[in-house]
């Protein structure tokens, strides 16, 4: 996250679209995206170092490591609404949304 990191862009089991044992394609069906409350227009965190490279490329994500963090994250400059629309076009559906401190988080699932 800008200025502090966090657990944005993670999913249960590794990362958005990360490899796993679920589904016929062998990919995890859950994605988490997040943004800071005061940054609703972007950037949006969309993945971590275990994320599906094809999905990250589709989203136009850039991989980075913020100073002080011991993990990599993928982010896009798009607003969350734009990311949600792109993910919907790939078959993902929002299953929950919450605010955690100053962060907004959406959980999406793909059947």
Protein backbone atom coordinates (compact mmCIF):
# COMPACT_ATOMS: atom_id res chain seq x y z
CA UNK A 1 0.00 0.00 0.00
CA UNK A 2 1.20 3.51 -0.58
CA UNK A 3 3.21 4.65 2.38
CA UNK A 4 2.84 1.59 4.52
CA UNK A 5 2.05 -1.70 2.86
CA UNK A 6 -0.44 -4.08 4.29
CA UNK A 7 -2.12 -7.27 3.28
CA UNK A 8 -3.83 -5.92 0.18
CA UNK A 9 -4.21 -8.04 -2.89
CA UNK A 10 -3.96 -11.33 -1.04
CA UNK A 11 -6.20 -14.33 -1.31
CA UNK A 12 -6.71 -17.45 0.73
CA UNK A 13 -3.96 -19.73 -0.45
CA UNK A 14 -1.44 -17.52 -2.16
CA UNK A 15 -2.71 -14.70 -4.32
CA UNK A 16 -5.27 -13.67 -6.85
CA UNK A 17 -5.61 -16.46 -9.35
CA UNK A 18 -2.55 -18.21 -7.91
CA UNK A 19 -1.85 -21.83 -8.71
CA UNK A 20 -3.55 -24.33 -6.49
CA UNK A 21 -5.62 -27.47 -6.46
CA UNK A 22 -9.06 -25.90 -6.97
CA UNK A 23 -10.97 -25.94 -10.22
CA UNK A 24 -10.27 -27.62 -13.52
CA UNK A 25 -7.63 -25.07 -14.50
CA UNK A 26 -5.64 -25.66 -11.29
CA UNK A 27 -6.04 -22.03 -10.19
CA UNK A 28 -7.41 -20.60 -6.97
CA UNK A 29 -10.89 -19.13 -7.48
CA UNK A 30 -10.60 -16.20 -5.03
CA UNK A 31 -9.17 -12.70 -5.54
CA UNK A 32 -8.82 -9.86 -3.03
CA UNK A 33 -8.37 -6.28 -4.19
CA UNK A 34 -7.98 -3.23 -1.97
CA UNK A 35 -7.37 0.49 -1.85
CA UNK A 36 -6.91 3.18 0.77
CA UNK A 37 -10.13 5.01 1.69
CA UNK A 38 -8.76 8.38 0.60
CA UNK A 39 -7.51 6.87 -2.68
CA UNK A 40 -10.77 5.54 -4.13
CA UNK A 41 -9.55 6.62 -7.58
CA UNK A 42 -6.45 4.39 -7.34
CA UNK A 43 -4.04 2.87 -7.02
CA UNK A 44 -5.63 -0.50 -6.36
CA UNK A 45 -3.69 -3.46 -4.96
CA UNK A 46 -4.54 -6.59 -6.95
CA UNK A 47 -2.05 -9.32 -6.06
CA UNK A 48 1.07 -10.62 -4.38
CA UNK A 49 4.18 -12.49 -5.50
CA UNK A 50 2.16 -15.72 -5.87
CA UNK A 51 -0.46 -14.21 -8.19
CA UNK A 52 -1.32 -15.58 -11.60
CA UNK A 53 0.95 -13.69 -14.05
CA UNK A 54 -1.66 -13.94 -16.82
CA UNK A 55 -4.35 -12.33 -14.65
CA UNK A 56 -1.93 -9.63 -13.49
CA UNK A 57 -1.01 -8.90 -17.12
CA UNK A 58 -4.71 -8.72 -18.06
CA UNK A 59 -5.25 -6.16 -15.28
CA UNK A 60 -2.19 -4.17 -16.39
CA UNK A 61 -0.58 -4.64 -12.96
CA UNK A 62 2.95 -3.69 -11.98
CA UNK A 63 4.92 -5.74 -9.44
CA UNK A 64 6.74 -3.79 -6.72
CA UNK A 65 8.40 -4.17 -3.34
CA UNK A 66 7.88 -1.25 -0.98
CA UNK A 67 10.80 -0.29 1.23
CA UNK A 68 10.46 -2.07 4.57
CA UNK A 69 8.08 -4.77 3.29
CA UNK A 70 9.25 -8.37 3.00
CA UNK A 71 6.83 -9.19 0.20
CA UNK A 72 6.03 -8.16 -3.34
CA UNK A 73 2.67 -6.80 -4.44
CA UNK A 74 0.93 -6.07 -7.72
CA UNK A 75 -0.89 -2.78 -8.17
CA UNK A 76 -2.70 -0.87 -10.90
CA UNK A 77 -3.33 2.85 -11.18
CA UNK A 78 -6.99 2.18 -11.97
CA UNK A 79 -9.79 2.86 -9.53
CA UNK A 80 -11.27 -0.23 -7.83
CA UNK A 81 -14.44 0.15 -9.94
CA UNK A 82 -12.39 -0.30 -13.12
CA UNK A 83 -10.62 -3.36 -11.67
CA UNK A 84 -13.95 -4.86 -10.57
CA UNK A 85 -15.36 -4.39 -14.08
CA UNK A 86 -12.30 -6.07 -15.64
CA UNK A 87 -12.51 -9.00 -13.23
CA UNK A 88 -16.24 -9.40 -13.89
CA UNK A 89 -15.44 -9.75 -17.60
CA UNK A 90 -13.25 -12.72 -16.61
CA UNK A 91 -16.05 -14.38 -14.64
CA UNK A 92 -15.28 -13.12 -11.12
CA UNK A 93 -18.12 -12.02 -8.84
CA UNK A 94 -17.92 -9.95 -5.65
CA UNK A 95 -18.80 -12.10 -2.64
CA UNK A 96 -17.97 -9.58 0.09
CA UNK A 97 -16.66 -6.09 0.73
CA UNK A 98 -15.43 -4.51 3.96
CA UNK A 99 -13.47 -1.66 5.42
CA UNK A 100 -10.42 -2.52 7.52
CA UNK A 101 -9.01 0.59 9.18
CA UNK A 102 -8.32 2.98 6.31
CA UNK A 103 -8.47 0.21 3.69
CA UNK A 104 -11.37 -0.97 1.51
CA UNK A 105 -11.23 -4.67 0.55
CA UNK A 106 -13.28 -6.65 -1.98
CA UNK A 107 -13.30 -10.45 -2.15
CA UNK A 108 -14.20 -11.97 -5.51
CA UNK A 109 -14.85 -15.56 -6.54
CA UNK A 110 -14.78 -17.28 -9.92
CA UNK A 111 -16.81 -20.48 -10.44
